[in-house]
């Protein structure tokens, strides 16, 4: 099954993990079950990274003078 992604990881840690998953998948050597598990983990990492980016953008928007 897919590895659980810790929601309190930093953006940089999650991005590095996502990059590692992509490299492993691109090699084309993983069995199907492991490939699907890594894909699911990658999707969760992307979701969490996107959430952190949205929050950062909102903070920046709040700080900009009108």
PDB file of N, CA and C in Angstrom:
ATOM      1  N   UNK A   1       0.816  -1.190   0.000  1.00  0.00           N
ATOM      2  CA  UNK A   1       0.000   0.000   0.000  1.00  0.00           C
ATOM      3  C   UNK A   1       0.861   1.255   0.000  1.00  0.00           C
ATOM      4  N   UNK A   2       0.234   2.377  -0.241  1.00  0.00           N
ATOM      5  CA  UNK A   2       0.942   3.644  -0.294  1.00  0.00           C
ATOM      6  C   UNK A   2       1.451   4.038   1.080  1.00  0.00           C
ATOM      7  N   UNK A   3       2.627   4.597   1.080  1.00  0.00           N
ATOM      8  CA  UNK A   3       3.221   5.085   2.319  1.00  0.00           C
ATOM      9  C   UNK A   3       2.455   6.327   2.762  1.00  0.00           C
ATOM     10  N   UNK A   4       2.195   6.426   4.051  1.00  0.00           N
ATOM     11  CA  UNK A   4       1.507   7.594   4.579  1.00  0.00           C
ATOM     12  C   UNK A   4       2.458   8.780   4.570  1.00  0.00           C
ATOM     13  N   UNK A   5       1.963   9.910   4.074  1.00  0.00           N
ATOM     14  CA  UNK A   5       2.764  11.120   4.017  1.00  0.00           C
ATOM     15  C   UNK A   5       2.500  11.929   5.275  1.00  0.00           C
ATOM     16  N   UNK A   6       3.572  12.300   5.970  1.00  0.00           N
ATOM     17  CA  UNK A   6       3.431  13.106   7.175  1.00  0.00           C
ATOM     18  C   UNK A   6       3.044  14.521   6.773  1.00  0.00           C
ATOM     19  N   UNK A   7       1.944  15.024   7.317  1.00  0.00           N
ATOM     20  CA  UNK A   7       1.451  16.337   6.923  1.00  0.00           C
ATOM     21  C   UNK A   7       2.282  17.479   7.485  1.00  0.00           C
ATOM     22  N   UNK A   8       3.166  17.225   8.450  1.00  0.00           N
ATOM     23  CA  UNK A   8       3.966  18.285   9.054  1.00  0.00           C
ATOM     24  C   UNK A   8       5.364  18.379   8.451  1.00  0.00           C
ATOM     25  N   UNK A   9       5.615  17.663   7.351  1.00  0.00           N
ATOM     26  CA  UNK A   9       6.913  17.750   6.692  1.00  0.00           C
ATOM     27  C   UNK A   9       7.039  19.116   6.028  1.00  0.00           C
ATOM     28  N   UNK A  10       8.274  19.583   5.913  1.00  0.00           N
ATOM     29  CA  UNK A  10       8.486  20.850   5.221  1.00  0.00           C
ATOM     30  C   UNK A  10       8.261  20.657   3.719  1.00  0.00           C
ATOM     31  N   UNK A  11       8.002  21.768   3.064  1.00  0.00           N
ATOM     32  CA  UNK A  11       7.803  21.750   1.620  1.00  0.00           C
ATOM     33  C   UNK A  11       9.020  21.138   0.932  1.00  0.00           C
ATOM     34  N   UNK A  12      10.214  21.537   1.368  1.00  0.00           N
ATOM     35  CA  UNK A  12      11.443  21.067   0.738  1.00  0.00           C
ATOM     36  C   UNK A  12      11.621  19.561   0.893  1.00  0.00           C
ATOM     37  N   UNK A  13      11.288  19.032   2.060  1.00  0.00           N
ATOM     38  CA  UNK A  13      11.399  17.594   2.296  1.00  0.00           C
ATOM     39  C   UNK A  13      10.419  16.836   1.399  1.00  0.00           C
ATOM     40  N   UNK A  14       9.185  17.330   1.328  1.00  0.00           N
ATOM     41  CA  UNK A  14       8.184  16.659   0.485  1.00  0.00           C
ATOM     42  C   UNK A  14       8.573  16.729  -0.987  1.00  0.00           C
ATOM     43  N   UNK A  15       9.098  17.870  -1.421  1.00  0.00           N
ATOM     44  CA  UNK A  15       9.506  18.015  -2.817  1.00  0.00           C
ATOM     45  C   UNK A  15      10.659  17.072  -3.156  1.00  0.00           C
ATOM     46  N   UNK A  16      11.624  16.944  -2.252  1.00  0.00           N
ATOM     47  CA  UNK A  16      12.741  16.019  -2.473  1.00  0.00           C
ATOM     48  C   UNK A  16      12.238  14.580  -2.556  1.00  0.00           C
ATOM     49  N   UNK A  17      11.291  14.226  -1.694  1.00  0.00           N
ATOM     50  CA  UNK A  17      10.729  12.876  -1.725  1.00  0.00           C
ATOM     51  C   UNK A  17       9.974  12.636  -3.031  1.00  0.00           C
ATOM     52  N   UNK A  18       9.242  13.642  -3.482  1.00  0.00           N
ATOM     53  CA  UNK A  18       8.511  13.532  -4.741  1.00  0.00           C
ATOM     54  C   UNK A  18       9.479  13.352  -5.910  1.00  0.00           C
ATOM     55  N   UNK A  19      10.573  14.105  -5.908  1.00  0.00           N
ATOM     56  CA  UNK A  19      11.571  13.972  -6.970  1.00  0.00           C
ATOM     57  C   UNK A  19      12.182  12.572  -6.980  1.00  0.00           C
ATOM     58  N   UNK A  20      12.426  12.015  -5.804  1.00  0.00           N
ATOM     59  CA  UNK A  20      12.973  10.656  -5.716  1.00  0.00           C
ATOM     60  C   UNK A  20      11.979   9.641  -6.273  1.00  0.00           C
ATOM     61  N   UNK A  21      10.713   9.800  -5.951  1.00  0.00           N
ATOM     62  CA  UNK A  21       9.679   8.898  -6.460  1.00  0.00           C
ATOM     63  C   UNK A  21       9.627   8.955  -7.982  1.00  0.00           C
ATOM     64  N   UNK A  22       9.673  10.162  -8.530  1.00  0.00           N
ATOM     65  CA  UNK A  22       9.625  10.318  -9.990  1.00  0.00           C
ATOM     66  C   UNK A  22      10.816   9.616 -10.634  1.00  0.00           C
ATOM     67  N   UNK A  23      12.005   9.792 -10.067  1.00  0.00           N
ATOM     68  CA  UNK A  23      13.195   9.137 -10.620  1.00  0.00           C
ATOM     69  C   UNK A  23      13.054   7.617 -10.600  1.00  0.00           C
ATOM     70  N   UNK A  24      12.556   7.079  -9.489  1.00  0.00           N
ATOM     71  CA  UNK A  24      12.378   5.628  -9.380  1.00  0.00           C
ATOM     72  C   UNK A  24      11.366   5.126 -10.408  1.00  0.00           C
ATOM     73  N   UNK A  25      10.293   5.882 -10.587  1.00  0.00           N
ATOM     74  CA  UNK A  25       9.263   5.461 -11.532  1.00  0.00           C
ATOM     75  C   UNK A  25       9.772   5.553 -12.970  1.00  0.00           C
ATOM     76  N   UNK A  26      10.579   6.578 -13.259  1.00  0.00           N
ATOM     77  CA  UNK A  26      11.081   6.763 -14.620  1.00  0.00           C
ATOM     78  C   UNK A  26      12.046   5.655 -15.039  1.00  0.00           C
ATOM     79  N   UNK A  27      12.703   5.032 -14.085  1.00  0.00           N
ATOM     80  CA  UNK A  27      13.616   3.931 -14.417  1.00  0.00           C
ATOM     81  C   UNK A  27      12.865   2.754 -15.035  1.00  0.00           C
ATOM     82  N   UNK A  28      11.588   2.625 -14.712  1.00  0.00           N
ATOM     83  CA  UNK A  28      10.779   1.561 -15.303  1.00  0.00           C
ATOM     84  C   UNK A  28      11.097   0.172 -14.791  1.00  0.00           C
ATOM     85  N   UNK A  29      11.679   0.078 -13.606  1.00  0.00           N
ATOM     86  CA  UNK A  29      12.089  -1.223 -13.078  1.00  0.00           C
ATOM     87  C   UNK A  29      11.206  -1.714 -11.933  1.00  0.00           C
ATOM     88  N   UNK A  30      10.228  -0.938 -11.527  1.00  0.00           N
ATOM     89  CA  UNK A  30       9.396  -1.310 -10.380  1.00  0.00           C
ATOM     90  C   UNK A  30       8.284  -2.268 -10.788  1.00  0.00           C
ATOM     91  N   UNK A  31       7.987  -3.234  -9.930  1.00  0.00           N
ATOM     92  CA  UNK A  31       6.819  -4.073 -10.186  1.00  0.00           C
ATOM     93  C   UNK A  31       5.548  -3.213 -10.098  1.00  0.00           C
ATOM     94  N   UNK A  32       4.503  -3.649 -10.741  1.00  0.00           N
ATOM     95  CA  UNK A  32       3.283  -2.866 -10.847  1.00  0.00           C
ATOM     96  C   UNK A  32       2.733  -2.448  -9.490  1.00  0.00           C
ATOM     97  N   UNK A  33       2.689  -3.357  -8.543  1.00  0.00           N
ATOM     98  CA  UNK A  33       2.124  -3.028  -7.232  1.00  0.00           C
ATOM     99  C   UNK A  33       2.919  -1.912  -6.550  1.00  0.00           C
ATOM    100  N   UNK A  34       4.229  -1.983  -6.614  1.00  0.00           N
ATOM    101  CA  UNK A  34       5.068  -0.944  -6.005  1.00  0.00           C
ATOM    102  C   UNK A  34       4.940   0.371  -6.772  1.00  0.00           C
ATOM    103  N   UNK A  35       4.834   0.283  -8.084  1.00  0.00           N
ATOM    104  CA  UNK A  35       4.651   1.466  -8.911  1.00  0.00           C
ATOM    105  C   UNK A  35       3.366   2.202  -8.530  1.00  0.00           C
ATOM    106  N   UNK A  36       2.291   1.444  -8.365  1.00  0.00           N
ATOM    107  CA  UNK A  36       1.016   2.054  -7.983  1.00  0.00           C
ATOM    108  C   UNK A  36       1.085   2.674  -6.591  1.00  0.00           C
ATOM    109  N   UNK A  37       1.778   2.023  -5.685  1.00  0.00           N
ATOM    110  CA  UNK A  37       1.938   2.549  -4.338  1.00  0.00           C
ATOM    111  C   UNK A  37       2.725   3.860  -4.359  1.00  0.00           C
ATOM    112  N   UNK A  38       3.799   3.890  -5.109  1.00  0.00           N
ATOM    113  CA  UNK A  38       4.604   5.112  -5.201  1.00  0.00           C
ATOM    114  C   UNK A  38       3.820   6.219  -5.894  1.00  0.00           C
ATOM    115  N   UNK A  39       3.024   5.867  -6.877  1.00  0.00           N
ATOM    116  CA  UNK A  39       2.194   6.859  -7.549  1.00  0.00           C
ATOM    117  C   UNK A  39       1.215   7.493  -6.561  1.00  0.00           C
ATOM    118  N   UNK A  40       0.569   6.668  -5.744  1.00  0.00           N
ATOM    119  CA  UNK A  40      -0.381   7.183  -4.754  1.00  0.00           C
ATOM    120  C   UNK A  40       0.322   8.094  -3.750  1.00  0.00           C
ATOM    121  N   UNK A  41       1.513   7.703  -3.320  1.00  0.00           N
ATOM    122  CA  UNK A  41       2.282   8.539  -2.397  1.00  0.00           C
ATOM    123  C   UNK A  41       2.638   9.859  -3.074  1.00  0.00           C
ATOM    124  N   UNK A  42       3.030   9.796  -4.333  1.00  0.00           N
ATOM    125  CA  UNK A  42       3.361  11.006  -5.087  1.00  0.00           C
ATOM    126  C   UNK A  42       2.182  11.939  -5.225  1.00  0.00           C
ATOM    127  N   UNK A  43       1.023  11.391  -5.480  1.00  0.00           N
ATOM    128  CA  UNK A  43      -0.187  12.218  -5.600  1.00  0.00           C
ATOM    129  C   UNK A  43      -0.459  12.938  -4.284  1.00  0.00           C
ATOM    130  N   UNK A  44      -0.307  12.236  -3.170  1.00  0.00           N
ATOM    131  CA  UNK A  44      -0.516  12.847  -1.857  1.00  0.00           C
ATOM    132  C   UNK A  44       0.528  13.933  -1.596  1.00  0.00           C
ATOM    133  N   UNK A  45       1.766  13.690  -1.972  1.00  0.00           N
ATOM    134  CA  UNK A  45       2.811  14.707  -1.804  1.00  0.00           C
ATOM    135  C   UNK A  45       2.496  15.955  -2.622  1.00  0.00           C
ATOM    136  N   UNK A  46       2.065  15.770  -3.847  1.00  0.00           N
ATOM    137  CA  UNK A  46       1.697  16.906  -4.700  1.00  0.00           C
ATOM    138  C   UNK A  46       0.553  17.690  -4.062  1.00  0.00           C
ATOM    139  N   UNK A  47      -0.438  16.984  -3.533  1.00  0.00           N
ATOM    140  CA  UNK A  47      -1.579  17.646  -2.900  1.00  0.00           C
ATOM    141  C   UNK A  47      -1.127  18.498  -1.710  1.00  0.00           C
ATOM    142  N   UNK A  48      -0.257  17.934  -0.892  1.00  0.00           N
ATOM    143  CA  UNK A  48       0.204  18.663   0.287  1.00  0.00           C
ATOM    144  C   UNK A  48       1.118  19.834  -0.090  1.00  0.00           C
ATOM    145  N   UNK A  49       1.979  19.642  -1.077  1.00  0.00           N
ATOM    146  CA  UNK A  49       2.839  20.743  -1.541  1.00  0.00           C
ATOM    147  C   UNK A  49       1.988  21.879  -2.094  1.00  0.00           C
ATOM    148  N   UNK A  50       1.000  21.528  -2.884  1.00  0.00           N
ATOM    149  CA  UNK A  50       0.120  22.545  -3.453  1.00  0.00           C
ATOM    150  C   UNK A  50      -0.590  23.312  -2.346  1.00  0.00           C
ATOM    151  N   UNK A  51      -1.040  22.602  -1.314  1.00  0.00           N
ATOM    152  CA  UNK A  51      -1.701  23.261  -0.190  1.00  0.00           C
ATOM    153  C   UNK A  51      -0.779  24.249   0.506  1.00  0.00           C
ATOM    154  N   UNK A  52       0.473  23.868   0.697  1.00  0.00           N
ATOM    155  CA  UNK A  52       1.425  24.780   1.321  1.00  0.00           C
ATOM    156  C   UNK A  52       1.698  25.990   0.443  1.00  0.00           C
ATOM    157  N   UNK A  53       1.763  25.786  -0.864  1.00  0.00           N
ATOM    158  CA  UNK A  53       1.982  26.914  -1.773  1.00  0.00           C
ATOM    159  C   UNK A  53       0.799  27.871  -1.765  1.00  0.00           C
ATOM    160  N   UNK A  54      -0.408  27.336  -1.705  1.00  0.00           N
ATOM    161  CA  UNK A  54      -1.603  28.188  -1.651  1.00  0.00           C
ATOM    162  C   UNK A  54      -1.589  29.029  -0.380  1.00  0.00           C
ATOM    163  N   UNK A  55      -1.241  28.405   0.748  1.00  0.00           N
ATOM    164  CA  UNK A  55      -1.170  29.145   2.011  1.00  0.00           C
ATOM    165  C   UNK A  55      -0.113  30.240   1.947  1.00  0.00           C
ATOM    166  N   UNK A  56       1.035  29.936   1.362  1.00  0.00           N
ATOM    167  CA  UNK A  56       2.103  30.930   1.233  1.00  0.00           C
ATOM    168  C   UNK A  56       1.647  32.094   0.357  1.00  0.00           C
ATOM    169  N   UNK A  57       0.962  31.778  -0.732  1.00  0.00           N
ATOM    170  CA  UNK A  57       0.463  32.829  -1.620  1.00  0.00           C
ATOM    171  C   UNK A  57      -0.552  33.719  -0.901  1.00  0.00           C
ATOM    172  N   UNK A  58      -1.422  33.118  -0.107  1.00  0.00           N
ATOM    173  CA  UNK A  58      -2.392  33.895   0.654  1.00  0.00           C
ATOM    174  C   UNK A  58      -1.696  34.829   1.638  1.00  0.00           C
ATOM    175  N   UNK A  59      -0.656  34.340   2.314  1.00  0.00           N
ATOM    176  CA  UNK A  59       0.088  35.189   3.254  1.00  0.00           C
ATOM    177  C   UNK A  59       0.754  36.358   2.530  1.00  0.00           C
ATOM    178  N   UNK A  60       1.318  36.084   1.365  1.00  0.00           N
ATOM    179  CA  UNK A  60       1.951  37.144   0.591  1.00  0.00           C
ATOM    180  C   UNK A  60       0.915  38.177   0.170  1.00  0.00           C
ATOM    181  N   UNK A  61      -0.222  37.721  -0.286  1.00  0.00           N
ATOM    182  CA  UNK A  61      -1.285  38.645  -0.711  1.00  0.00           C
ATOM    183  C   UNK A  61      -1.753  39.528   0.440  1.00  0.00           C
ATOM    184  N   UNK A  62      -1.809  38.974   1.641  1.00  0.00           N
ATOM    185  CA  UNK A  62      -2.229  39.752   2.814  1.00  0.00           C
ATOM    186  C   UNK A  62      -1.207  40.817   3.167  1.00  0.00           C
ATOM    187  N   UNK A  63       0.073  40.572   2.857  1.00  0.00           N
ATOM    188  CA  UNK A  63       1.135  41.504   3.212  1.00  0.00           C
ATOM    189  C   UNK A  63       1.345  42.612   2.179  1.00  0.00           C
ATOM    190  N   UNK A  64       0.814  42.424   0.990  1.00  0.00           N
ATOM    191  CA  UNK A  64       1.006  43.442  -0.062  1.00  0.00           C
ATOM    192  C   UNK A  64       0.140  44.660   0.221  1.00  0.00           C
ATOM    193  N   UNK A  65       0.721  45.853   0.036  1.00  0.00           N
ATOM    194  CA  UNK A  65      -0.088  47.074   0.233  1.00  0.00           C
ATOM    195  C   UNK A  65      -1.128  47.197  -0.886  1.00  0.00           C
ATOM    196  N   UNK A  66      -2.258  47.720  -0.537  1.00  0.00           N
ATOM    197  CA  UNK A  66      -3.318  47.896  -1.537  1.00  0.00           C
ATOM    198  C   UNK A  66      -3.171  49.153  -2.274  1.00  0.00           C
TER     199      UNK A  66
END
